[in-house]
Amino acid sequence: MSFLKIFRILIAVLAIAAVAVSQALFFETEQRSKKLNEVKPLAVASFSEWEQQSNCAEEPQPCEAYTEIFKNWLMEFEQYERRKNETPKFQAYLLFKYIDKKYAKSLGLNYGGLASLVLCNLLLLILSFLAVILLGAEKKAKEPKPKKEKPKKPEPKSKPKPEPIPEPMPEPEPEPMLEPEPMPEPEPEPIPEPEPPVRKKDKLEVQALIEKAIDCAESSPMQAISYLEQALEGDISDKLFMPALMLCGGLRVKHEIGVNQGREQLQKIIEASPLSSEAKEAEKLLNA
């Protein structure tokens, strides 16, 4: 269901609901207005009857207390009636009554505001249904019309062409006998020259590389790992080997730069000295 269709249904439902609610509010306000208009005259008549029965004209003193209470009640009731008439619901009811009295009375349609309300509701329904119809027409105009395909003309059947008669294949000529070519002698393979031995970094260079790695471990872990790998390949002492391997494996695992290689390096530390502090730290990193 498209959004436009839902919107059209919503407009129709809201219009019908508005008509029903306005009718219910009108009749409820009319009943309350009638009751308010009846309360005051009944109360005044009852009070006058009580004054006559109590002989308040000749003996006003016994009646003063009740008279004061009645006057206060009458003042509060008038204030309540005034506030009630100032609400939007009563204002709308009084407006419909005024329109009926002024315009519809000449046509004999003065129903105390009901004729004006019905006319307004009819106008609302007409406008709502016009909007629904216009939206439906707009939707139909937007929908593309399917193109009618023109029937294809049948192609004329062509007469089958006569198959060509195959020409006789020429007999193959005998190929001349070729003399065997002499086999080339194998050339001697060149003897590879021995590669020059890789110079291991001395202890001072190794220590400098480890210090560089420590300095940039937080800011540039990849560069620190490169320094540590170079140090591990050089002439590193046993005292520096475990810390360098520990730092390299820890950085790899922590920053996920060759995690498998880092785990292998940490595992080497545990296997080399399981009871050392480096082994315990390596186990923590592996478990993390």
C-alpha atoms as a PDB file:
ATOM      1  CA  MET A   1       0.000   0.000   0.000  1.00  0.00           C
ATOM      2  CA  SER A   2       1.462   3.312  -1.090  1.00  0.00           C
ATOM      3  CA  PHE A   3       1.900   6.346   1.154  1.00  0.00           C
ATOM      4  CA  LEU A   4      -0.555   8.405  -0.929  1.00  0.00           C
ATOM      5  CA  LYS A   5      -3.298   5.805  -0.474  1.00  0.00           C
ATOM      6  CA  ILE A   6      -2.730   5.710   3.300  1.00  0.00           C
ATOM      7  CA  PHE A   7      -2.868   9.528   3.383  1.00  0.00           C
ATOM      8  CA  ARG A   8      -6.208   9.535   1.527  1.00  0.00           C
ATOM      9  CA  ILE A   9      -7.697   6.986   3.947  1.00  0.00           C
ATOM     10  CA  LEU A  10      -6.398   9.033   6.893  1.00  0.00           C
ATOM     11  CA  ILE A  11      -8.075  12.215   5.580  1.00  0.00           C
ATOM     12  CA  ALA A  12     -11.429  10.433   5.217  1.00  0.00           C
ATOM     13  CA  VAL A  13     -11.211   8.827   8.684  1.00  0.00           C
ATOM     14  CA  LEU A  14     -10.229  12.106  10.358  1.00  0.00           C
ATOM     15  CA  ALA A  15     -13.089  13.980   8.662  1.00  0.00           C
ATOM     16  CA  ILE A  16     -15.673  11.404   9.817  1.00  0.00           C
ATOM     17  CA  ALA A  17     -14.187  11.378  13.330  1.00  0.00           C
ATOM     18  CA  ALA A  18     -14.264  15.203  13.489  1.00  0.00           C
ATOM     19  CA  VAL A  19     -17.966  15.209  12.520  1.00  0.00           C
ATOM     20  CA  ALA A  20     -18.832  12.581  15.150  1.00  0.00           C
ATOM     21  CA  VAL A  21     -16.864  14.340  17.904  1.00  0.00           C
ATOM     22  CA  SER A  22     -18.349  17.760  17.098  1.00  0.00           C
ATOM     23  CA  GLN A  23     -21.902  16.340  17.254  1.00  0.00           C
ATOM     24  CA  ALA A  24     -21.225  14.649  20.600  1.00  0.00           C
ATOM     25  CA  LEU A  25     -19.644  17.802  22.080  1.00  0.00           C
ATOM     26  CA  PHE A  26     -22.530  19.938  20.831  1.00  0.00           C
ATOM     27  CA  PHE A  27     -25.218  17.805  22.518  1.00  0.00           C
ATOM     28  CA  GLU A  28     -23.178  17.491  25.730  1.00  0.00           C
ATOM     29  CA  THR A  29     -22.670  21.282  25.898  1.00  0.00           C
ATOM     30  CA  GLU A  30     -26.354  21.862  25.171  1.00  0.00           C
ATOM     31  CA  GLN A  31     -27.381  19.628  28.095  1.00  0.00           C
ATOM     32  CA  ARG A  32     -24.951  21.362  30.460  1.00  0.00           C
ATOM     33  CA  SER A  33     -26.121  24.773  29.325  1.00  0.00           C
ATOM     34  CA  LYS A  34     -29.751  23.825  29.973  1.00  0.00           C
ATOM     35  CA  LYS A  35     -28.897  22.540  33.435  1.00  0.00           C
ATOM     36  CA  LEU A  36     -26.967  25.715  34.269  1.00  0.00           C
ATOM     37  CA  ASN A  37     -29.883  27.837  33.097  1.00  0.00           C
ATOM     38  CA  GLU A  38     -32.336  25.793  35.206  1.00  0.00           C
ATOM     39  CA  VAL A  39     -30.325  25.737  38.460  1.00  0.00           C
ATOM     40  CA  LYS A  40     -30.406  29.440  39.228  1.00  0.00           C
ATOM     41  CA  PRO A  41     -34.196  30.034  38.779  1.00  0.00           C
ATOM     42  CA  LEU A  42     -34.986  26.903  40.822  1.00  0.00           C
ATOM     43  CA  ALA A  43     -32.645  27.997  43.599  1.00  0.00           C
ATOM     44  CA  VAL A  44     -34.128  31.523  43.654  1.00  0.00           C
ATOM     45  CA  ALA A  45     -37.690  30.138  43.688  1.00  0.00           C
ATOM     46  CA  SER A  46     -36.834  27.715  46.495  1.00  0.00           C
ATOM     47  CA  PHE A  47     -35.240  30.497  48.526  1.00  0.00           C
ATOM     48  CA  SER A  48     -38.278  32.784  48.055  1.00  0.00           C
ATOM     49  CA  GLU A  49     -40.601  29.986  49.130  1.00  0.00           C
ATOM     50  CA  TRP A  50     -38.439  29.345  52.189  1.00  0.00           C
ATOM     51  CA  GLU A  51     -38.512  33.077  53.075  1.00  0.00           C
ATOM     52  CA  GLN A  52     -42.324  33.088  52.931  1.00  0.00           C
ATOM     53  CA  GLN A  53     -42.618  29.940  55.035  1.00  0.00           C
ATOM     54  CA  SER A  54     -40.103  31.232  57.600  1.00  0.00           C
ATOM     55  CA  ASN A  55     -41.828  34.661  57.782  1.00  0.00           C
ATOM     56  CA  CYS A  56     -38.517  36.387  57.121  1.00  0.00           C
ATOM     57  CA  ALA A  57     -40.246  39.653  56.101  1.00  0.00           C
ATOM     58  CA  GLU A  58     -41.558  40.214  59.639  1.00  0.00           C
ATOM     59  CA  GLU A  59     -38.670  38.566  61.537  1.00  0.00           C
ATOM     60  CA  PRO A  60     -35.509  39.016  59.411  1.00  0.00           C
ATOM     61  CA  GLN A  61     -32.974  38.261  62.156  1.00  0.00           C
ATOM     62  CA  PRO A  62     -33.417  34.414  62.264  1.00  0.00           C
ATOM     63  CA  CYS A  63     -33.103  34.316  58.457  1.00  0.00           C
ATOM     64  CA  GLU A  64     -29.982  36.457  58.137  1.00  0.00           C
ATOM     65  CA  ALA A  65     -27.473  33.555  58.377  1.00  0.00           C
ATOM     66  CA  TYR A  66     -29.179  31.444  55.694  1.00  0.00           C
ATOM     67  CA  THR A  67     -29.738  34.529  53.524  1.00  0.00           C
ATOM     68  CA  GLU A  68     -26.021  35.338  53.692  1.00  0.00           C
ATOM     69  CA  ILE A  69     -25.152  31.727  52.745  1.00  0.00           C
ATOM     70  CA  PHE A  70     -27.573  31.847  49.807  1.00  0.00           C
ATOM     71  CA  LYS A  71     -26.163  35.150  48.542  1.00  0.00           C
ATOM     72  CA  ASN A  72     -22.577  33.778  48.683  1.00  0.00           C
ATOM     73  CA  TRP A  73     -23.672  30.634  46.870  1.00  0.00           C
ATOM     74  CA  LEU A  74     -25.468  32.712  44.236  1.00  0.00           C
ATOM     75  CA  MET A  75     -22.349  34.846  43.685  1.00  0.00           C
ATOM     76  CA  GLU A  76     -20.110  31.765  43.340  1.00  0.00           C
ATOM     77  CA  PHE A  77     -22.583  30.139  40.958  1.00  0.00           C
ATOM     78  CA  GLU A  78     -22.622  33.228  38.723  1.00  0.00           C
ATOM     79  CA  GLN A  79     -18.806  33.240  38.636  1.00  0.00           C
ATOM     80  CA  TYR A  80     -18.791  29.513  37.773  1.00  0.00           C
ATOM     81  CA  GLU A  81     -21.361  30.104  35.031  1.00  0.00           C
ATOM     82  CA  ARG A  82     -19.281  32.979  33.635  1.00  0.00           C
ATOM     83  CA  ARG A  83     -16.096  30.854  33.584  1.00  0.00           C
ATOM     84  CA  LYS A  84     -17.936  27.970  31.956  1.00  0.00           C
ATOM     85  CA  ASN A  85     -19.313  30.218  29.214  1.00  0.00           C
ATOM     86  CA  GLU A  86     -15.779  31.481  28.464  1.00  0.00           C
ATOM     87  CA  THR A  87     -14.423  28.005  27.595  1.00  0.00           C
ATOM     88  CA  PRO A  88     -13.868  27.259  23.855  1.00  0.00           C
ATOM     89  CA  LYS A  89     -16.521  24.546  23.882  1.00  0.00           C
ATOM     90  CA  PHE A  90     -19.249  26.868  25.206  1.00  0.00           C
ATOM     91  CA  GLN A  91     -18.056  29.707  22.968  1.00  0.00           C
ATOM     92  CA  ALA A  92     -18.461  27.485  19.888  1.00  0.00           C
ATOM     93  CA  TYR A  93     -21.917  26.384  21.104  1.00  0.00           C
ATOM     94  CA  LEU A  94     -22.995  30.000  21.637  1.00  0.00           C
ATOM     95  CA  LEU A  95     -21.628  30.942  18.189  1.00  0.00           C
ATOM     96  CA  PHE A  96     -23.699  28.240  16.477  1.00  0.00           C
ATOM     97  CA  LYS A  97     -26.761  29.383  18.405  1.00  0.00           C
ATOM     98  CA  TYR A  98     -26.156  32.991  17.338  1.00  0.00           C
ATOM     99  CA  ILE A  99     -25.779  31.996  13.642  1.00  0.00           C
ATOM    100  CA  ASP A 100     -29.027  30.008  13.781  1.00  0.00           C
ATOM    101  CA  LYS A 101     -30.843  32.850  15.453  1.00  0.00           C
ATOM    102  CA  LYS A 102     -29.586  35.502  13.020  1.00  0.00           C
ATOM    103  CA  TYR A 103     -29.537  33.751   9.632  1.00  0.00           C
ATOM    104  CA  ALA A 104     -31.450  30.466   9.769  1.00  0.00           C
ATOM    105  CA  LYS A 105     -34.496  31.797  11.646  1.00  0.00           C
ATOM    106  CA  SER A 106     -35.824  33.483   8.492  1.00  0.00           C
ATOM    107  CA  LEU A 107     -35.793  30.094   6.738  1.00  0.00           C
ATOM    108  CA  GLY A 108     -37.490  28.337   9.628  1.00  0.00           C
ATOM    109  CA  LEU A 109     -34.303  26.372  10.496  1.00  0.00           C
ATOM    110  CA  ASN A 110     -33.590  27.745  13.970  1.00  0.00           C
ATOM    111  CA  TYR A 111     -32.688  24.582  15.891  1.00  0.00           C
ATOM    112  CA  GLY A 112     -30.617  26.220  18.599  1.00  0.00           C
ATOM    113  CA  GLY A 113     -27.294  25.974  16.720  1.00  0.00           C
ATOM    114  CA  LEU A 114     -27.795  22.449  15.356  1.00  0.00           C
ATOM    115  CA  ALA A 115     -28.538  23.653  11.798  1.00  0.00           C
ATOM    116  CA  SER A 116     -25.278  25.638  11.671  1.00  0.00           C
ATOM    117  CA  LEU A 117     -23.320  22.689  13.053  1.00  0.00           C
ATOM    118  CA  VAL A 118     -24.773  20.289  10.468  1.00  0.00           C
ATOM    119  CA  LEU A 119     -23.968  22.756   7.669  1.00  0.00           C
ATOM    120  CA  CYS A 120     -20.345  23.088   8.853  1.00  0.00           C
ATOM    121  CA  ASN A 121     -19.983  19.312   9.112  1.00  0.00           C
ATOM    122  CA  LEU A 122     -21.349  18.835   5.579  1.00  0.00           C
ATOM    123  CA  LEU A 123     -18.889  21.419   4.280  1.00  0.00           C
ATOM    124  CA  LEU A 124     -16.004  19.634   6.058  1.00  0.00           C
ATOM    125  CA  LEU A 125     -17.023  16.263   4.593  1.00  0.00           C
ATOM    126  CA  ILE A 126     -17.339  17.702   1.069  1.00  0.00           C
ATOM    127  CA  LEU A 127     -13.894  19.315   1.268  1.00  0.00           C
ATOM    128  CA  SER A 128     -12.313  16.134   2.675  1.00  0.00           C
ATOM    129  CA  PHE A 129     -13.776  13.887  -0.013  1.00  0.00           C
ATOM    130  CA  LEU A 130     -12.789  16.375  -2.706  1.00  0.00           C
ATOM    131  CA  ALA A 131      -9.200  16.210  -1.403  1.00  0.00           C
ATOM    132  CA  VAL A 132      -9.349  12.384  -1.463  1.00  0.00           C
ATOM    133  CA  ILE A 133     -10.651  12.376  -5.056  1.00  0.00           C
ATOM    134  CA  LEU A 134      -8.019  14.891  -6.234  1.00  0.00           C
ATOM    135  CA  LEU A 135      -5.206  12.891  -4.642  1.00  0.00           C
ATOM    136  CA  GLY A 136      -6.485   9.733  -6.322  1.00  0.00           C
ATOM    137  CA  ALA A 137      -6.608  11.488  -9.703  1.00  0.00           C
ATOM    138  CA  GLU A 138      -3.061  12.799  -9.203  1.00  0.00           C
ATOM    139  CA  LYS A 139      -1.834   9.273  -8.446  1.00  0.00           C
ATOM    140  CA  LYS A 140      -3.442   7.892 -11.608  1.00  0.00           C
ATOM    141  CA  ALA A 141      -1.879  10.688 -13.673  1.00  0.00           C
ATOM    142  CA  LYS A 142       1.587   9.860 -12.324  1.00  0.00           C
ATOM    143  CA  GLU A 143       1.342   6.146 -13.103  1.00  0.00           C
ATOM    144  CA  PRO A 144       2.936   5.404 -16.507  1.00  0.00           C
ATOM    145  CA  LYS A 145       0.606   3.910 -19.052  1.00  0.00           C
ATOM    146  CA  PRO A 146       1.779   0.605 -20.487  1.00  0.00           C
ATOM    147  CA  LYS A 147       2.816   0.902 -24.115  1.00  0.00           C
ATOM    148  CA  LYS A 148       0.880  -1.178 -26.563  1.00  0.00           C
ATOM    149  CA  GLU A 149       3.160  -3.410 -28.538  1.00  0.00           C
ATOM    150  CA  LYS A 150       2.508  -3.491 -32.205  1.00  0.00           C
ATOM    151  CA  PRO A 151       2.022  -6.975 -33.620  1.00  0.00           C
ATOM    152  CA  LYS A 152       5.028  -8.080 -35.558  1.00  0.00           C
ATOM    153  CA  LYS A 153       4.513  -8.946 -39.178  1.00  0.00           C
ATOM    154  CA  PRO A 154       5.277 -12.553 -39.959  1.00  0.00           C
ATOM    155  CA  GLU A 155       8.514 -12.873 -41.894  1.00  0.00           C
ATOM    156  CA  PRO A 156       8.098 -14.468 -45.327  1.00  0.00           C
ATOM    157  CA  LYS A 157       9.305 -18.001 -45.421  1.00  0.00           C
ATOM    158  CA  SER A 158      12.351 -18.292 -47.645  1.00  0.00           C
ATOM    159  CA  LYS A 159      12.761 -21.249 -49.876  1.00  0.00           C
ATOM    160  CA  PRO A 160      15.503 -23.607 -48.765  1.00  0.00           C
ATOM    161  CA  LYS A 161      18.694 -23.111 -50.771  1.00  0.00           C
ATOM    162  CA  PRO A 162      20.136 -26.165 -52.512  1.00  0.00           C
ATOM    163  CA  GLU A 163      23.104 -27.587 -50.651  1.00  0.00           C
ATOM    164  CA  PRO A 164      26.410 -27.173 -52.546  1.00  0.00           C
ATOM    165  CA  ILE A 165      27.985 -30.315 -53.900  1.00  0.00           C
ATOM    166  CA  PRO A 166      31.260 -30.936 -52.032  1.00  0.00           C
ATOM    167  CA  GLU A 167      34.363 -30.853 -54.219  1.00  0.00           C
ATOM    168  CA  PRO A 168      36.657 -33.878 -54.130  1.00  0.00           C
ATOM    169  CA  MET A 169      39.567 -33.506 -51.677  1.00  0.00           C
ATOM    170  CA  PRO A 170      43.023 -33.424 -53.308  1.00  0.00           C
ATOM    171  CA  GLU A 171      45.287 -36.336 -52.476  1.00  0.00           C
ATOM    172  CA  PRO A 172      48.090 -35.394 -50.026  1.00  0.00           C
ATOM    173  CA  GLU A 173      51.560 -35.207 -51.500  1.00  0.00           C
ATOM    174  CA  PRO A 174      54.231 -37.246 -49.758  1.00  0.00           C
ATOM    175  CA  GLU A 175      56.407 -35.152 -47.474  1.00  0.00           C
ATOM    176  CA  PRO A 176      60.168 -35.176 -48.176  1.00  0.00           C
ATOM    177  CA  MET A 177      62.309 -37.020 -45.687  1.00  0.00           C
ATOM    178  CA  LEU A 178      64.237 -34.661 -43.405  1.00  0.00           C
ATOM    179  CA  GLU A 179      67.684 -35.466 -42.122  1.00  0.00           C
ATOM    180  CA  PRO A 180      67.971 -35.530 -38.319  1.00  0.00           C
ATOM    181  CA  GLU A 181      69.547 -32.422 -36.869  1.00  0.00           C
ATOM    182  CA  PRO A 182      72.603 -32.866 -34.651  1.00  0.00           C
ATOM    183  CA  MET A 183      71.890 -32.558 -30.916  1.00  0.00           C
ATOM    184  CA  PRO A 184      73.520 -29.497 -29.321  1.00  0.00           C
ATOM    185  CA  GLU A 185      76.110 -30.179 -26.664  1.00  0.00           C
ATOM    186  CA  PRO A 186      74.997 -29.149 -23.147  1.00  0.00           C
ATOM    187  CA  GLU A 187      76.687 -26.022 -21.892  1.00  0.00           C
ATOM    188  CA  PRO A 188      78.390 -26.241 -18.491  1.00  0.00           C
ATOM    189  CA  GLU A 189      76.377 -24.646 -15.690  1.00  0.00           C
ATOM    190  CA  PRO A 190      77.995 -21.572 -14.130  1.00  0.00           C
ATOM    191  CA  ILE A 191      79.288 -22.101 -10.630  1.00  0.00           C
ATOM    192  CA  PRO A 192      77.453 -19.692  -8.280  1.00  0.00           C
ATOM    193  CA  GLU A 193      79.689 -17.279  -6.496  1.00  0.00           C
ATOM    194  CA  PRO A 194      79.532 -17.505  -2.705  1.00  0.00           C
ATOM    195  CA  GLU A 195      77.467 -14.752  -1.098  1.00  0.00           C
ATOM    196  CA  PRO A 196      79.374 -12.406   1.175  1.00  0.00           C
ATOM    197  CA  PRO A 197      78.715 -13.165   4.832  1.00  0.00           C
ATOM    198  CA  VAL A 198      76.202 -10.850   6.537  1.00  0.00           C
ATOM    199  CA  ARG A 199      77.914  -8.742   9.142  1.00  0.00           C
ATOM    200  CA  LYS A 200      76.272  -9.086  12.492  1.00  0.00           C
ATOM    201  CA  LYS A 201      75.651  -5.899  14.385  1.00  0.00           C
ATOM    202  CA  ASP A 202      77.939  -5.461  17.348  1.00  0.00           C
ATOM    203  CA  LYS A 203      76.749  -5.072  20.916  1.00  0.00           C
ATOM    204  CA  LEU A 204      76.801  -1.275  20.882  1.00  0.00           C
ATOM    205  CA  GLU A 205      74.589  -1.138  17.775  1.00  0.00           C
ATOM    206  CA  VAL A 206      72.220  -3.722  19.329  1.00  0.00           C
ATOM    207  CA  GLN A 207      71.905  -1.692  22.522  1.00  0.00           C
ATOM    208  CA  ALA A 208      71.246   1.477  20.486  1.00  0.00           C
ATOM    209  CA  LEU A 209      68.523  -0.296  18.505  1.00  0.00           C
ATOM    210  CA  ILE A 210      66.823  -1.507  21.724  1.00  0.00           C
ATOM    211  CA  GLU A 211      66.907   2.030  23.157  1.00  0.00           C
ATOM    212  CA  LYS A 212      65.351   3.419  19.953  1.00  0.00           C
ATOM    213  CA  ALA A 213      62.630   0.773  20.124  1.00  0.00           C
ATOM    214  CA  ILE A 214      61.812   1.659  23.744  1.00  0.00           C
ATOM    215  CA  ASP A 215      61.586   5.379  22.856  1.00  0.00           C
ATOM    216  CA  CYS A 216      59.124   4.877  19.976  1.00  0.00           C
ATOM    217  CA  ALA A 217      57.190   1.861  21.340  1.00  0.00           C
ATOM    218  CA  GLU A 218      54.082   3.914  22.139  1.00  0.00           C
ATOM    219  CA  SER A 219      54.126   6.398  19.268  1.00  0.00           C
ATOM    220  CA  SER A 220      55.279   4.087  16.438  1.00  0.00           C
ATOM    221  CA  PRO A 221      55.007   0.386  17.401  1.00  0.00           C
ATOM    222  CA  MET A 222      55.768  -0.848  13.871  1.00  0.00           C
ATOM    223  CA  GLN A 223      59.107   1.044  13.803  1.00  0.00           C
ATOM    224  CA  ALA A 224      59.890  -0.255  17.309  1.00  0.00           C
ATOM    225  CA  ILE A 225      59.281  -3.858  16.169  1.00  0.00           C
ATOM    226  CA  SER A 226      61.652  -3.285  13.204  1.00  0.00           C
ATOM    227  CA  TYR A 227      64.416  -2.030  15.560  1.00  0.00           C
ATOM    228  CA  LEU A 228      63.903  -5.024  17.875  1.00  0.00           C
ATOM    229  CA  GLU A 229      64.027  -7.552  15.013  1.00  0.00           C
ATOM    230  CA  GLN A 230      67.350  -6.030  13.862  1.00  0.00           C
ATOM    231  CA  ALA A 231      68.670  -6.207  17.428  1.00  0.00           C
ATOM    232  CA  LEU A 232      67.656  -9.878  17.818  1.00  0.00           C
ATOM    233  CA  GLU A 233      69.491 -10.748  14.594  1.00  0.00           C
ATOM    234  CA  GLY A 234      72.699  -9.022  15.792  1.00  0.00           C
ATOM    235  CA  ASP A 235      75.292  -9.877  18.421  1.00  0.00           C
ATOM    236  CA  ILE A 236      72.906  -9.561  21.377  1.00  0.00           C
ATOM    237  CA  SER A 237      73.883 -10.638  24.861  1.00  0.00           C
ATOM    238  CA  ASP A 238      71.925 -13.161  26.924  1.00  0.00           C
ATOM    239  CA  LYS A 239      70.991 -10.397  29.361  1.00  0.00           C
ATOM    240  CA  LEU A 240      69.272  -8.302  26.648  1.00  0.00           C
ATOM    241  CA  PHE A 241      67.885 -11.183  24.564  1.00  0.00           C
ATOM    242  CA  MET A 242      64.861 -12.019  26.783  1.00  0.00           C
ATOM    243  CA  PRO A 243      63.691  -8.378  27.362  1.00  0.00           C
ATOM    244  CA  ALA A 244      64.062  -7.579  23.632  1.00  0.00           C
ATOM    245  CA  LEU A 245      62.128 -10.707  22.622  1.00  0.00           C
ATOM    246  CA  MET A 246      59.513  -9.939  25.301  1.00  0.00           C
ATOM    247  CA  LEU A 247      59.053  -6.352  24.075  1.00  0.00           C
ATOM    248  CA  CYS A 248      58.870  -7.401  20.407  1.00  0.00           C
ATOM    249  CA  GLY A 249      56.298 -10.149  21.006  1.00  0.00           C
ATOM    250  CA  GLY A 250      54.255  -7.924  23.319  1.00  0.00           C
ATOM    251  CA  LEU A 251      54.085  -5.095  20.742  1.00  0.00           C
ATOM    252  CA  ARG A 252      53.054  -7.509  17.985  1.00  0.00           C
ATOM    253  CA  VAL A 253      50.219  -9.015  20.076  1.00  0.00           C
ATOM    254  CA  LYS A 254      49.079  -5.683  21.529  1.00  0.00           C
ATOM    255  CA  HIS A 255      48.943  -3.766  18.235  1.00  0.00           C
ATOM    256  CA  GLU A 256      48.030  -6.813  16.058  1.00  0.00           C
ATOM    257  CA  ILE A 257      51.136  -6.536  13.854  1.00  0.00           C
ATOM    258  CA  GLY A 258      51.987 -10.159  12.992  1.00  0.00           C
ATOM    259  CA  VAL A 259      50.068 -11.615  15.945  1.00  0.00           C
ATOM    260  CA  ASN A 260      51.066 -15.240  15.238  1.00  0.00           C
ATOM    261  CA  GLN A 261      54.774 -14.349  15.123  1.00  0.00           C
ATOM    262  CA  GLY A 262      54.377 -12.354  18.362  1.00  0.00           C
ATOM    263  CA  ARG A 263      52.747 -15.347  20.094  1.00  0.00           C
ATOM    264  CA  GLU A 264      55.595 -17.584  18.943  1.00  0.00           C
ATOM    265  CA  GLN A 265      58.130 -15.146  20.416  1.00  0.00           C
ATOM    266  CA  LEU A 266      56.285 -15.045  23.751  1.00  0.00           C
ATOM    267  CA  GLN A 267      56.031 -18.847  23.758  1.00  0.00           C
ATOM    268  CA  LYS A 268      59.815 -19.083  23.280  1.00  0.00           C
ATOM    269  CA  ILE A 269      60.295 -17.018  26.458  1.00  0.00           C
ATOM    270  CA  ILE A 270      58.003 -19.348  28.443  1.00  0.00           C
ATOM    271  CA  GLU A 271      59.761 -22.461  27.121  1.00  0.00           C
ATOM    272  CA  ALA A 272      63.246 -21.035  27.778  1.00  0.00           C
ATOM    273  CA  SER A 273      62.640 -20.062  31.443  1.00  0.00           C
ATOM    274  CA  PRO A 274      59.146 -20.948  32.707  1.00  0.00           C
ATOM    275  CA  LEU A 275      59.738 -19.635  36.243  1.00  0.00           C
ATOM    276  CA  SER A 276      61.147 -16.241  35.272  1.00  0.00           C
ATOM    277  CA  SER A 277      59.301 -12.917  35.554  1.00  0.00           C
ATOM    278  CA  GLU A 278      59.468 -12.548  31.751  1.00  0.00           C
ATOM    279  CA  ALA A 279      57.660 -15.881  31.360  1.00  0.00           C
ATOM    280  CA  LYS A 280      54.880 -14.772  33.722  1.00  0.00           C
ATOM    281  CA  GLU A 281      54.476 -11.498  31.830  1.00  0.00           C
ATOM    282  CA  ALA A 282      54.434 -13.417  28.526  1.00  0.00           C
ATOM    283  CA  GLU A 283      51.649 -15.704  29.850  1.00  0.00           C
ATOM    284  CA  LYS A 284      49.606 -12.627  30.821  1.00  0.00           C
ATOM    285  CA  LEU A 285      49.958 -11.190  27.334  1.00  0.00           C
ATOM    286  CA  LEU A 286      49.028 -14.498  25.698  1.00  0.00           C
ATOM    287  CA  ASN A 287      45.973 -14.912  27.922  1.00  0.00           C
ATOM    288  CA  ALA A 288      44.881 -11.304  27.274  1.00  0.00           C
END
